[in-house]
Amino acid sequence: MKSVAGGLGRLCRLSLLAAVCLALVCPVAGCAVTGSGGHADRPSRAGAGHSTHARSRSRWSPGLAAPFSVPAVGGDPAQLAGQLTAAERVLGAGAAAPAMARQALIVQLACLRAAAHRGWAGAVIAQVAPAQRAVAATDIAATADLVALTPPRTRLPPWRIVPAQNLAALRADYQAAQAATGVGWFYLAAINFIETDFGRVAGPSTAGAQGPMQFLPATWAIYGHGSIHRPQDAILAAAHLLAGHGAAQNIAAALYAYNPSWRYVDAVLRYARRLRRDPHALAGYYNRQVICRLASGWVLLPAGYGINPGVQPIALHL
């Protein structure tokens, strides 16, 4: 939130996004958004693109378990719609982890490309199969919101891409915070996704926001207990902040208090609605990657970036 918990620093994140880099510290939601304020720079979950077919590229980075394969995304609305239909179908069925990660990345990249081309979003959504259309529309619209909040960075961010907490543990933390404050778990999960891609993006924002929910130390002193970097403590603090700003009466206004941008609010609400209705949505967003927006183009920041010198950014040809 800029004024309270963080700033738009994460959607370099999206932003995500997840998680966008659309993670706002941001993975384009699962990725983070970049701006001024208390949040960490956000990786982006949305994307820009203009070429025809992007070639699949694999790059070996020492320290990664295997070469990271970046799938190609379509070069026109019809192709993107077909890829989104297939990927959202797999994610909606609750695929196994390897398939889930690849399909989640396809959705990320396709949403980024759709958001980047004026007039493409509507054309893509109209051609997605009816059963997947509402889901694709949510992901494309949220991506577009986060990308709009993400000015290009002139240099790579000083982030570390670390493992996220186990998904089952995160679910338990969201549910516990909901039980304690009445704030819906799905709002907390959406914020966690947009702010730091579920805690994968580590590092303070330019304004000094910290932790998986991106709190300024002064705000943490009001709402937080324990460690600002511990997911359970940070998620509960975010719930207390939202509750203290009238979430029960007006969740949009409470989210605006968390981060004063209506595009940010819209992105959180879009992801939260899907998380509430779709039992497989959280796993899909959790499996997204951290993508960052540079002036020279979009790059994917693999796990271990900023920690292992051998793990390098991967250029995306969107």
C-alpha atoms as a PDB file:
ATOM      1  CA  MET A   1       0.000   0.000   0.000  1.00  0.00           C
ATOM      2  CA  LYS A   2       1.278   3.446  -0.674  1.00  0.00           C
ATOM      3  CA  SER A   3      -0.169   5.182   2.343  1.00  0.00           C
ATOM      4  CA  VAL A   4      -0.525   2.276   4.693  1.00  0.00           C
ATOM      5  CA  ALA A   5       0.795  -1.155   3.932  1.00  0.00           C
ATOM      6  CA  GLY A   6       2.927  -0.792   0.890  1.00  0.00           C
ATOM      7  CA  GLY A   7       3.081   0.838  -2.510  1.00  0.00           C
ATOM      8  CA  LEU A   8       2.800   0.012  -6.146  1.00  0.00           C
ATOM      9  CA  GLY A   9       6.381  -1.103  -6.300  1.00  0.00           C
ATOM     10  CA  ARG A  10       5.795  -4.726  -6.981  1.00  0.00           C
ATOM     11  CA  LEU A  11       4.346  -4.989 -10.491  1.00  0.00           C
ATOM     12  CA  CYS A  12       7.694  -4.449 -11.867  1.00  0.00           C
ATOM     13  CA  ARG A  13       4.594  -9.676  -9.265  1.00  0.00           C
ATOM     14  CA  LEU A  14       1.109  -8.027 -11.630  1.00  0.00           C
ATOM     15  CA  SER A  15       1.124  -7.779  -9.938  1.00  0.00           C
ATOM     16  CA  LEU A  16      -0.108  -9.485 -10.332  1.00  0.00           C
ATOM     17  CA  LEU A  17      -0.349 -10.987 -12.306  1.00  0.00           C
ATOM     18  CA  ALA A  18      -0.496 -13.778  -9.023  1.00  0.00           C
ATOM     19  CA  ALA A  19       0.994 -12.795  -9.482  1.00  0.00           C
ATOM     20  CA  VAL A  20       1.404 -10.963 -12.440  1.00  0.00           C
ATOM     21  CA  CYS A  21       6.487  -8.916 -12.982  1.00  0.00           C
ATOM     22  CA  LEU A  22       2.995  -8.896 -12.101  1.00  0.00           C
ATOM     23  CA  ALA A  23       3.771  -9.466  -8.535  1.00  0.00           C
ATOM     24  CA  LEU A  24       3.436  -5.625  -7.309  1.00  0.00           C
ATOM     25  CA  VAL A  25       6.755  -5.806  -5.364  1.00  0.00           C
ATOM     26  CA  CYS A  26       4.529  -7.707  -8.231  1.00  0.00           C
ATOM     27  CA  PRO A  27       4.273 -10.785 -10.309  1.00  0.00           C
ATOM     28  CA  VAL A  28       1.655  -9.719 -13.115  1.00  0.00           C
ATOM     29  CA  ALA A  29      -0.799 -11.065 -10.792  1.00  0.00           C
ATOM     30  CA  GLY A  30       1.473 -13.966  -9.521  1.00  0.00           C
ATOM     31  CA  CYS A  31       3.816 -11.470 -10.776  1.00  0.00           C
ATOM     32  CA  ALA A  32       4.512  -7.756  -8.900  1.00  0.00           C
ATOM     33  CA  VAL A  33       3.530  -3.592  -9.915  1.00  0.00           C
ATOM     34  CA  THR A  34       6.018  -0.736  -9.727  1.00  0.00           C
ATOM     35  CA  GLY A  35       5.044   2.596  -8.416  1.00  0.00           C
ATOM     36  CA  SER A  36       5.782   4.961  -5.593  1.00  0.00           C
ATOM     37  CA  GLY A  37       4.728   4.182  -2.113  1.00  0.00           C
ATOM     38  CA  GLY A  38       5.163   1.642   0.591  1.00  0.00           C
ATOM     39  CA  HIS A  39       4.908  -1.606  -1.358  1.00  0.00           C
ATOM     40  CA  ALA A  40       7.880  -3.449  -2.662  1.00  0.00           C
ATOM     41  CA  ASP A  41       8.461  -3.171  -6.382  1.00  0.00           C
ATOM     42  CA  ARG A  42       5.927  -5.450  -7.930  1.00  0.00           C
ATOM     43  CA  PRO A  43       6.561  -8.216 -10.423  1.00  0.00           C
ATOM     44  CA  SER A  44       4.107  -8.196 -13.325  1.00  0.00           C
ATOM     45  CA  ARG A  45       1.468 -10.718 -14.258  1.00  0.00           C
ATOM     46  CA  ALA A  46       0.333  -8.868 -17.278  1.00  0.00           C
ATOM     47  CA  GLY A  47       2.277  -8.495 -20.418  1.00  0.00           C
ATOM     48  CA  ALA A  48       3.044  -6.535 -23.504  1.00  0.00           C
ATOM     49  CA  GLY A  49       3.477  -8.017 -26.911  1.00  0.00           C
ATOM     50  CA  HIS A  50       3.469  -7.192 -30.546  1.00  0.00           C
ATOM     51  CA  SER A  51       5.239  -9.880 -32.522  1.00  0.00           C
ATOM     52  CA  THR A  52       3.632 -12.854 -34.171  1.00  0.00           C
ATOM     53  CA  HIS A  53       4.510 -16.252 -32.717  1.00  0.00           C
ATOM     54  CA  ALA A  54       6.940 -16.044 -29.850  1.00  0.00           C
ATOM     55  CA  ARG A  55       9.446 -18.852 -30.066  1.00  0.00           C
ATOM     56  CA  SER A  56       9.700 -21.228 -27.179  1.00  0.00           C
ATOM     57  CA  ARG A  57      13.015 -20.716 -25.481  1.00  0.00           C
ATOM     58  CA  SER A  58      14.831 -22.757 -22.891  1.00  0.00           C
ATOM     59  CA  ARG A  59      17.688 -21.436 -20.840  1.00  0.00           C
ATOM     60  CA  TRP A  60      19.785 -23.380 -18.407  1.00  0.00           C
ATOM     61  CA  SER A  61      20.584 -21.518 -15.231  1.00  0.00           C
ATOM     62  CA  PRO A  62      22.970 -23.264 -12.833  1.00  0.00           C
ATOM     63  CA  GLY A  63      21.156 -24.037  -9.621  1.00  0.00           C
ATOM     64  CA  LEU A  64      17.778 -24.649 -11.255  1.00  0.00           C
ATOM     65  CA  ALA A  65      16.450 -28.170 -11.188  1.00  0.00           C
ATOM     66  CA  ALA A  66      16.075 -28.232 -14.995  1.00  0.00           C
ATOM     67  CA  PRO A  67      16.159 -25.925 -17.991  1.00  0.00           C
ATOM     68  CA  PHE A  68      13.250 -23.494 -17.775  1.00  0.00           C
ATOM     69  CA  SER A  69      11.076 -23.813 -20.853  1.00  0.00           C
ATOM     70  CA  VAL A  70       9.050 -20.753 -21.799  1.00  0.00           C
ATOM     71  CA  PRO A  71       6.003 -21.722 -23.893  1.00  0.00           C
ATOM     72  CA  ALA A  72       5.149 -19.825 -27.055  1.00  0.00           C
ATOM     73  CA  VAL A  73       1.989 -17.737 -27.099  1.00  0.00           C
ATOM     74  CA  GLY A  74      -0.201 -16.953 -30.081  1.00  0.00           C
ATOM     75  CA  GLY A  75       0.340 -14.004 -32.356  1.00  0.00           C
ATOM     76  CA  ASP A  76      -3.316 -13.046 -32.875  1.00  0.00           C
ATOM     77  CA  PRO A  77      -6.553 -13.023 -30.812  1.00  0.00           C
ATOM     78  CA  ALA A  78      -7.813 -16.323 -32.194  1.00  0.00           C
ATOM     79  CA  GLN A  79      -4.622 -18.153 -31.280  1.00  0.00           C
ATOM     80  CA  LEU A  80      -4.537 -16.605 -27.813  1.00  0.00           C
ATOM     81  CA  ALA A  81      -8.171 -17.561 -27.259  1.00  0.00           C
ATOM     82  CA  GLY A  82      -7.417 -21.162 -28.159  1.00  0.00           C
ATOM     83  CA  GLN A  83      -4.464 -21.289 -25.778  1.00  0.00           C
ATOM     84  CA  LEU A  84      -6.424 -19.678 -22.963  1.00  0.00           C
ATOM     85  CA  THR A  85      -9.315 -22.094 -23.473  1.00  0.00           C
ATOM     86  CA  ALA A  86      -7.009 -25.101 -23.255  1.00  0.00           C
ATOM     87  CA  ALA A  87      -4.935 -23.769 -20.349  1.00  0.00           C
ATOM     88  CA  GLU A  88      -7.901 -22.623 -18.263  1.00  0.00           C
ATOM     89  CA  ARG A  89      -9.564 -26.003 -18.865  1.00  0.00           C
ATOM     90  CA  VAL A  90      -6.535 -27.809 -17.430  1.00  0.00           C
ATOM     91  CA  LEU A  91      -6.235 -25.428 -14.481  1.00  0.00           C
ATOM     92  CA  GLY A  92      -9.958 -25.661 -13.766  1.00  0.00           C
ATOM     93  CA  ALA A  93      -9.708 -29.423 -13.555  1.00  0.00           C
ATOM     94  CA  GLY A  94      -6.939 -29.297 -10.955  1.00  0.00           C
ATOM     95  CA  ALA A  95      -3.976 -30.687 -12.884  1.00  0.00           C
ATOM     96  CA  ALA A  96      -0.843 -32.250 -11.427  1.00  0.00           C
ATOM     97  CA  ALA A  97       1.918 -29.833 -10.398  1.00  0.00           C
ATOM     98  CA  PRO A  98       4.130 -29.927 -13.552  1.00  0.00           C
ATOM     99  CA  ALA A  99       1.166 -29.435 -15.894  1.00  0.00           C
ATOM    100  CA  MET A 100      -0.308 -26.812 -13.571  1.00  0.00           C
ATOM    101  CA  ALA A 101       2.860 -24.711 -13.656  1.00  0.00           C
ATOM    102  CA  ARG A 102       3.128 -24.770 -17.446  1.00  0.00           C
ATOM    103  CA  GLN A 103      -0.535 -23.955 -18.020  1.00  0.00           C
ATOM    104  CA  ALA A 104      -0.411 -21.167 -15.427  1.00  0.00           C
ATOM    105  CA  LEU A 105       2.519 -19.609 -17.290  1.00  0.00           C
ATOM    106  CA  ILE A 106       0.656 -19.871 -20.602  1.00  0.00           C
ATOM    107  CA  VAL A 107      -2.249 -17.963 -19.051  1.00  0.00           C
ATOM    108  CA  GLN A 108       0.149 -15.329 -17.712  1.00  0.00           C
ATOM    109  CA  LEU A 109       1.823 -14.784 -21.054  1.00  0.00           C
ATOM    110  CA  ALA A 110      -1.411 -14.862 -23.049  1.00  0.00           C
ATOM    111  CA  CYS A 111      -3.034 -12.322 -20.715  1.00  0.00           C
ATOM    112  CA  LEU A 112       0.013 -10.068 -20.979  1.00  0.00           C
ATOM    113  CA  ARG A 113      -0.090 -10.169 -24.755  1.00  0.00           C
ATOM    114  CA  ALA A 114      -3.853  -9.566 -24.868  1.00  0.00           C
ATOM    115  CA  ALA A 115      -3.504  -6.615 -22.491  1.00  0.00           C
ATOM    116  CA  ALA A 116      -0.658  -5.131 -24.511  1.00  0.00           C
ATOM    117  CA  HIS A 117      -2.531  -4.798 -27.798  1.00  0.00           C
ATOM    118  CA  ARG A 118      -5.239  -2.187 -28.026  1.00  0.00           C
ATOM    119  CA  GLY A 119      -8.518  -3.853 -28.872  1.00  0.00           C
ATOM    120  CA  TRP A 120      -7.278  -7.409 -28.454  1.00  0.00           C
ATOM    121  CA  ALA A 121      -8.748  -8.159 -25.026  1.00  0.00           C
ATOM    122  CA  GLY A 122     -12.359  -8.104 -26.190  1.00  0.00           C
ATOM    123  CA  ALA A 123     -11.550 -10.062 -29.330  1.00  0.00           C
ATOM    124  CA  VAL A 124      -9.703 -12.725 -27.339  1.00  0.00           C
ATOM    125  CA  ILE A 125     -12.430 -13.088 -24.711  1.00  0.00           C
ATOM    126  CA  ALA A 126     -15.141 -13.362 -27.364  1.00  0.00           C
ATOM    127  CA  GLN A 127     -13.351 -16.355 -28.906  1.00  0.00           C
ATOM    128  CA  VAL A 128     -12.597 -18.254 -25.700  1.00  0.00           C
ATOM    129  CA  ALA A 129     -14.848 -21.284 -25.268  1.00  0.00           C
ATOM    130  CA  PRO A 130     -18.007 -20.406 -23.296  1.00  0.00           C
ATOM    131  CA  ALA A 131     -17.093 -22.650 -20.359  1.00  0.00           C
ATOM    132  CA  GLN A 132     -13.785 -20.821 -19.845  1.00  0.00           C
ATOM    133  CA  ARG A 133     -14.832 -17.341 -20.987  1.00  0.00           C
ATOM    134  CA  ALA A 134     -15.641 -15.808 -17.587  1.00  0.00           C
ATOM    135  CA  VAL A 135     -12.396 -17.068 -16.084  1.00  0.00           C
ATOM    136  CA  ALA A 136     -10.325 -15.779 -19.009  1.00  0.00           C
ATOM    137  CA  ALA A 137     -12.099 -12.424 -18.857  1.00  0.00           C
ATOM    138  CA  THR A 138     -11.222 -12.102 -15.161  1.00  0.00           C
ATOM    139  CA  ASP A 139      -7.560 -12.905 -15.723  1.00  0.00           C
ATOM    140  CA  ILE A 140      -7.190 -10.590 -18.728  1.00  0.00           C
ATOM    141  CA  ALA A 141      -8.949  -7.674 -17.014  1.00  0.00           C
ATOM    142  CA  ALA A 142      -6.945  -8.016 -13.797  1.00  0.00           C
ATOM    143  CA  THR A 143      -3.742  -8.263 -15.813  1.00  0.00           C
ATOM    144  CA  ALA A 144      -4.645  -5.096 -17.702  1.00  0.00           C
ATOM    145  CA  ASP A 145      -5.290  -3.263 -14.423  1.00  0.00           C
ATOM    146  CA  LEU A 146      -1.903  -4.255 -13.026  1.00  0.00           C
ATOM    147  CA  VAL A 147      -0.004  -3.529 -16.222  1.00  0.00           C
ATOM    148  CA  ALA A 148      -1.517  -0.042 -16.251  1.00  0.00           C
ATOM    149  CA  LEU A 149      -0.009   0.452 -12.790  1.00  0.00           C
ATOM    150  CA  THR A 150       3.425  -0.732 -13.876  1.00  0.00           C
ATOM    151  CA  PRO A 151       5.755   1.762 -15.527  1.00  0.00           C
ATOM    152  CA  PRO A 152       8.775   0.054 -17.113  1.00  0.00           C
ATOM    153  CA  ARG A 153      11.876  -0.205 -14.964  1.00  0.00           C
ATOM    154  CA  THR A 154      15.196   0.992 -16.338  1.00  0.00           C
ATOM    155  CA  ARG A 155      17.111  -1.810 -14.631  1.00  0.00           C
ATOM    156  CA  LEU A 156      16.547  -5.191 -13.073  1.00  0.00           C
ATOM    157  CA  PRO A 157      15.046  -5.042  -9.571  1.00  0.00           C
ATOM    158  CA  PRO A 158      17.113  -5.871  -6.476  1.00  0.00           C
ATOM    159  CA  TRP A 159      14.782  -8.704  -5.537  1.00  0.00           C
ATOM    160  CA  ARG A 160      15.422 -12.219  -4.369  1.00  0.00           C
ATOM    161  CA  ILE A 161      13.030 -14.855  -5.717  1.00  0.00           C
ATOM    162  CA  VAL A 162      12.562 -17.297  -2.867  1.00  0.00           C
ATOM    163  CA  PRO A 163      10.270 -20.305  -2.361  1.00  0.00           C
ATOM    164  CA  ALA A 164       6.717 -19.518  -1.358  1.00  0.00           C
ATOM    165  CA  GLN A 165       5.277 -21.035   1.787  1.00  0.00           C
ATOM    166  CA  ASN A 166       3.513 -24.344   1.276  1.00  0.00           C
ATOM    167  CA  LEU A 167       0.075 -23.760  -0.268  1.00  0.00           C
ATOM    168  CA  ALA A 168      -1.727 -25.740   2.416  1.00  0.00           C
ATOM    169  CA  ALA A 169      -0.090 -23.581   5.094  1.00  0.00           C
ATOM    170  CA  LEU A 170      -1.068 -20.407   3.238  1.00  0.00           C
ATOM    171  CA  ARG A 171      -4.671 -21.592   2.998  1.00  0.00           C
ATOM    172  CA  ALA A 172      -4.654 -22.189   6.739  1.00  0.00           C
ATOM    173  CA  ASP A 173      -3.231 -18.709   7.373  1.00  0.00           C
ATOM    174  CA  TYR A 174      -5.915 -17.061   5.207  1.00  0.00           C
ATOM    175  CA  GLN A 175      -8.672 -19.037   6.931  1.00  0.00           C
ATOM    176  CA  ALA A 176      -7.331 -18.235  10.398  1.00  0.00           C
ATOM    177  CA  ALA A 177      -7.203 -14.515   9.578  1.00  0.00           C
ATOM    178  CA  GLN A 178     -10.771 -14.671   8.273  1.00  0.00           C
ATOM    179  CA  ALA A 179     -11.935 -16.380  11.477  1.00  0.00           C
ATOM    180  CA  ALA A 180     -10.199 -13.730  13.597  1.00  0.00           C
ATOM    181  CA  THR A 181     -11.387 -10.633  11.708  1.00  0.00           C
ATOM    182  CA  GLY A 182     -14.269 -11.525   9.426  1.00  0.00           C
ATOM    183  CA  VAL A 183     -12.306 -10.437   6.325  1.00  0.00           C
ATOM    184  CA  GLY A 184     -12.775 -12.967   3.531  1.00  0.00           C
ATOM    185  CA  TRP A 185      -9.795 -15.254   2.988  1.00  0.00           C
ATOM    186  CA  PHE A 186     -10.047 -14.689  -0.767  1.00  0.00           C
ATOM    187  CA  TYR A 187      -9.284 -10.958  -0.392  1.00  0.00           C
ATOM    188  CA  LEU A 188      -6.184 -11.778   1.626  1.00  0.00           C
ATOM    189  CA  ALA A 189      -5.043 -14.365  -0.891  1.00  0.00           C
ATOM    190  CA  ALA A 190      -5.554 -11.920  -3.772  1.00  0.00           C
ATOM    191  CA  ILE A 191      -3.473  -9.268  -2.012  1.00  0.00           C
ATOM    192  CA  ASN A 192      -0.736 -11.760  -1.174  1.00  0.00           C
ATOM    193  CA  PHE A 193      -0.706 -12.855  -4.825  1.00  0.00           C
ATOM    194  CA  ILE A 194      -0.523  -9.326  -6.245  1.00  0.00           C
ATOM    195  CA  GLU A 195       1.906  -7.936  -3.706  1.00  0.00           C
ATOM    196  CA  THR A 196       4.673 -10.535  -3.700  1.00  0.00           C
ATOM    197  CA  ASP A 197       3.488 -13.606  -5.615  1.00  0.00           C
ATOM    198  CA  PHE A 198       2.644 -15.333  -2.327  1.00  0.00           C
ATOM    199  CA  GLY A 199       5.903 -14.222  -0.741  1.00  0.00           C
ATOM    200  CA  ARG A 200       8.245 -15.244  -3.560  1.00  0.00           C
ATOM    201  CA  VAL A 201       9.439 -11.692  -4.155  1.00  0.00           C
ATOM    202  CA  ALA A 202      11.676 -10.795  -1.218  1.00  0.00           C
ATOM    203  CA  GLY A 203      13.107  -7.343  -0.674  1.00  0.00           C
ATOM    204  CA  PRO A 204      11.911  -3.957   0.584  1.00  0.00           C
ATOM    205  CA  SER A 205      10.229  -1.428  -1.673  1.00  0.00           C
ATOM    206  CA  THR A 206      11.796   1.916  -2.443  1.00  0.00           C
ATOM    207  CA  ALA A 207       9.566   3.319   0.293  1.00  0.00           C
ATOM    208  CA  GLY A 208      10.628   0.646   2.781  1.00  0.00           C
ATOM    209  CA  ALA A 209       7.629  -1.701   2.689  1.00  0.00           C
ATOM    210  CA  GLN A 210       8.505  -5.215   3.769  1.00  0.00           C
ATOM    211  CA  GLY A 211       7.267  -8.763   3.936  1.00  0.00           C
ATOM    212  CA  PRO A 212       4.828 -10.892   1.942  1.00  0.00           C
ATOM    213  CA  MET A 213       1.959  -8.411   2.405  1.00  0.00           C
ATOM    214  CA  GLN A 214       4.158  -5.310   1.978  1.00  0.00           C
ATOM    215  CA  PHE A 215       3.797  -3.290   5.161  1.00  0.00           C
ATOM    216  CA  LEU A 216       5.534  -0.052   5.992  1.00  0.00           C
ATOM    217  CA  PRO A 217       7.151  -0.383   9.432  1.00  0.00           C
ATOM    218  CA  ALA A 218       4.997   2.461  10.809  1.00  0.00           C
ATOM    219  CA  THR A 219       1.816   0.701   9.718  1.00  0.00           C
ATOM    220  CA  TRP A 220       3.099  -2.618  11.001  1.00  0.00           C
ATOM    221  CA  ALA A 221       3.505  -0.999  14.411  1.00  0.00           C
ATOM    222  CA  ILE A 222      -0.260  -0.380  14.411  1.00  0.00           C
ATOM    223  CA  TYR A 223      -1.613  -3.623  12.950  1.00  0.00           C
ATOM    224  CA  GLY A 224       1.172  -6.188  13.149  1.00  0.00           C
ATOM    225  CA  HIS A 225       2.399  -8.568  15.809  1.00  0.00           C
ATOM    226  CA  GLY A 226       5.324 -10.950  15.495  1.00  0.00           C
ATOM    227  CA  SER A 227       7.475 -10.808  12.365  1.00  0.00           C
ATOM    228  CA  ILE A 228       6.674  -8.633   9.360  1.00  0.00           C
ATOM    229  CA  HIS A 229       8.312 -11.341   7.213  1.00  0.00           C
ATOM    230  CA  ARG A 230       6.334 -14.284   8.587  1.00  0.00           C
ATOM    231  CA  PRO A 231       3.347 -15.097   6.323  1.00  0.00           C
ATOM    232  CA  GLN A 232       0.981 -15.956   9.162  1.00  0.00           C
ATOM    233  CA  ASP A 233       1.701 -12.695  11.010  1.00  0.00           C
ATOM    234  CA  ALA A 234       1.625 -10.526   7.872  1.00  0.00           C
ATOM    235  CA  ILE A 235      -1.640 -12.010   6.581  1.00  0.00           C
ATOM    236  CA  LEU A 236      -3.322 -11.478   9.956  1.00  0.00           C
ATOM    237  CA  ALA A 237      -2.053  -7.890  10.083  1.00  0.00           C
ATOM    238  CA  ALA A 238      -3.480  -7.223   6.616  1.00  0.00           C
ATOM    239  CA  ALA A 239      -6.817  -8.611   7.752  1.00  0.00           C
ATOM    240  CA  HIS A 240      -6.802  -6.353  10.817  1.00  0.00           C
ATOM    241  CA  LEU A 241      -5.961  -3.353   8.627  1.00  0.00           C
ATOM    242  CA  LEU A 242      -8.842  -4.085   6.245  1.00  0.00           C
ATOM    243  CA  ALA A 243     -11.238  -4.716   9.114  1.00  0.00           C
ATOM    244  CA  GLY A 244     -10.155  -1.469  10.746  1.00  0.00           C
ATOM    245  CA  HIS A 245     -10.994   0.400   7.554  1.00  0.00           C
ATOM    246  CA  GLY A 246     -14.541  -0.952   7.361  1.00  0.00           C
ATOM    247  CA  ALA A 247     -14.128  -4.048   5.191  1.00  0.00           C
ATOM    248  CA  ALA A 248     -17.382  -5.470   6.521  1.00  0.00           C
ATOM    249  CA  GLN A 249     -19.297  -2.466   5.215  1.00  0.00           C
ATOM    250  CA  ASN A 250     -17.276  -1.544   2.100  1.00  0.00           C
ATOM    251  CA  ILE A 251     -14.477  -3.845   1.032  1.00  0.00           C
ATOM    252  CA  ALA A 252     -13.535  -1.617  -1.921  1.00  0.00           C
ATOM    253  CA  ALA A 253     -12.923   1.355   0.356  1.00  0.00           C
ATOM    254  CA  ALA A 254     -10.899  -0.817   2.726  1.00  0.00           C
ATOM    255  CA  LEU A 255      -8.756  -2.062  -0.147  1.00  0.00           C
ATOM    256  CA  TYR A 256      -8.239   1.525  -1.276  1.00  0.00           C
ATOM    257  CA  ALA A 257      -6.952   2.312   2.216  1.00  0.00           C
ATOM    258  CA  TYR A 258      -4.530  -0.592   1.805  1.00  0.00           C
ATOM    259  CA  ASN A 259      -3.306   0.742  -1.545  1.00  0.00           C
ATOM    260  CA  PRO A 260      -4.829   3.978  -2.900  1.00  0.00           C
ATOM    261  CA  SER A 261      -5.354   3.002  -6.525  1.00  0.00           C
ATOM    262  CA  TRP A 262      -8.733   2.050  -7.944  1.00  0.00           C
ATOM    263  CA  ARG A 263      -7.039  -0.135 -10.537  1.00  0.00           C
ATOM    264  CA  TYR A 264      -5.374  -1.989  -7.701  1.00  0.00           C
ATOM    265  CA  VAL A 265      -8.739  -2.330  -5.971  1.00  0.00           C
ATOM    266  CA  ASP A 266     -10.335  -3.640  -9.163  1.00  0.00           C
ATOM    267  CA  ALA A 267      -7.562  -6.209  -9.639  1.00  0.00           C
ATOM    268  CA  VAL A 268      -7.902  -7.481  -6.062  1.00  0.00           C
ATOM    269  CA  LEU A 269     -11.681  -7.740  -6.384  1.00  0.00           C
ATOM    270  CA  ARG A 270     -11.448  -9.606  -9.693  1.00  0.00           C
ATOM    271  CA  TYR A 271      -9.026 -12.179  -8.335  1.00  0.00           C
ATOM    272  CA  ALA A 272     -10.917 -12.463  -5.053  1.00  0.00           C
ATOM    273  CA  ARG A 273     -14.223 -13.206  -6.795  1.00  0.00           C
ATOM    274  CA  ARG A 274     -12.607 -16.001  -8.746  1.00  0.00           C
ATOM    275  CA  LEU A 275     -10.825 -17.380  -5.690  1.00  0.00           C
ATOM    276  CA  ARG A 276     -14.125 -17.450  -3.817  1.00  0.00           C
ATOM    277  CA  ARG A 277     -16.004 -19.288  -6.573  1.00  0.00           C
ATOM    278  CA  ASP A 278     -13.398 -21.593  -8.106  1.00  0.00           C
ATOM    279  CA  PRO A 279     -11.821 -24.232  -5.829  1.00  0.00           C
ATOM    280  CA  HIS A 280      -8.880 -24.644  -8.210  1.00  0.00           C
ATOM    281  CA  ALA A 281      -8.116 -20.943  -8.720  1.00  0.00           C
ATOM    282  CA  LEU A 282      -5.723 -20.586  -5.792  1.00  0.00           C
ATOM    283  CA  ALA A 283      -3.519 -23.439  -7.006  1.00  0.00           C
ATOM    284  CA  GLY A 284      -3.470 -21.934 -10.494  1.00  0.00           C
ATOM    285  CA  TYR A 285      -2.385 -18.515  -9.265  1.00  0.00           C
ATOM    286  CA  TYR A 286       0.096 -20.088  -6.848  1.00  0.00           C
ATOM    287  CA  ASN A 287       1.852 -21.763  -9.790  1.00  0.00           C
ATOM    288  CA  ARG A 288       2.515 -18.541 -11.711  1.00  0.00           C
ATOM    289  CA  GLN A 289       5.944 -17.021 -12.260  1.00  0.00           C
ATOM    290  CA  VAL A 290       7.522 -13.677 -11.397  1.00  0.00           C
ATOM    291  CA  ILE A 291       7.660 -11.505 -14.518  1.00  0.00           C
ATOM    292  CA  CYS A 292       9.169  -8.036 -14.558  1.00  0.00           C
ATOM    293  CA  ARG A 293       8.623  -5.145 -16.962  1.00  0.00           C
ATOM    294  CA  LEU A 294      11.757  -3.381 -18.148  1.00  0.00           C
ATOM    295  CA  ALA A 295      12.087  -0.563 -20.654  1.00  0.00           C
ATOM    296  CA  SER A 296      13.742  -3.105 -22.941  1.00  0.00           C
ATOM    297  CA  GLY A 297      10.941  -5.665 -22.564  1.00  0.00           C
ATOM    298  CA  TRP A 298       9.545  -8.260 -20.205  1.00  0.00           C
ATOM    299  CA  VAL A 299      11.718 -10.749 -18.331  1.00  0.00           C
ATOM    300  CA  LEU A 300      10.938 -13.784 -16.214  1.00  0.00           C
ATOM    301  CA  LEU A 301      12.822 -14.014 -12.920  1.00  0.00           C
ATOM    302  CA  PRO A 302      13.281 -17.708 -12.060  1.00  0.00           C
ATOM    303  CA  ALA A 303      13.441 -19.119  -8.553  1.00  0.00           C
ATOM    304  CA  GLY A 304      16.841 -18.345  -7.102  1.00  0.00           C
ATOM    305  CA  TYR A 305      17.236 -15.017  -8.899  1.00  0.00           C
ATOM    306  CA  GLY A 306      19.130 -12.595  -6.669  1.00  0.00           C
ATOM    307  CA  ILE A 307      20.463 -15.503  -4.589  1.00  0.00           C
ATOM    308  CA  ASN A 308      22.353 -17.742  -6.977  1.00  0.00           C
ATOM    309  CA  PRO A 309      24.526 -15.748  -9.435  1.00  0.00           C
ATOM    310  CA  GLY A 310      23.982 -18.479 -11.997  1.00  0.00           C
ATOM    311  CA  VAL A 311      20.218 -17.886 -12.115  1.00  0.00           C
ATOM    312  CA  GLN A 312      19.667 -15.209 -14.728  1.00  0.00           C
ATOM    313  CA  PRO A 313      16.560 -13.407 -16.028  1.00  0.00           C
ATOM    314  CA  ILE A 314      14.911 -14.910 -19.095  1.00  0.00           C
ATOM    315  CA  ALA A 315      13.858 -12.472 -21.814  1.00  0.00           C
ATOM    316  CA  LEU A 316      10.266 -12.886 -22.976  1.00  0.00           C
ATOM    317  CA  HIS A 317       9.383 -12.097 -26.565  1.00  0.00           C
ATOM    318  CA  LEU A 318       5.836 -10.871 -26.202  1.00  0.00           C
END
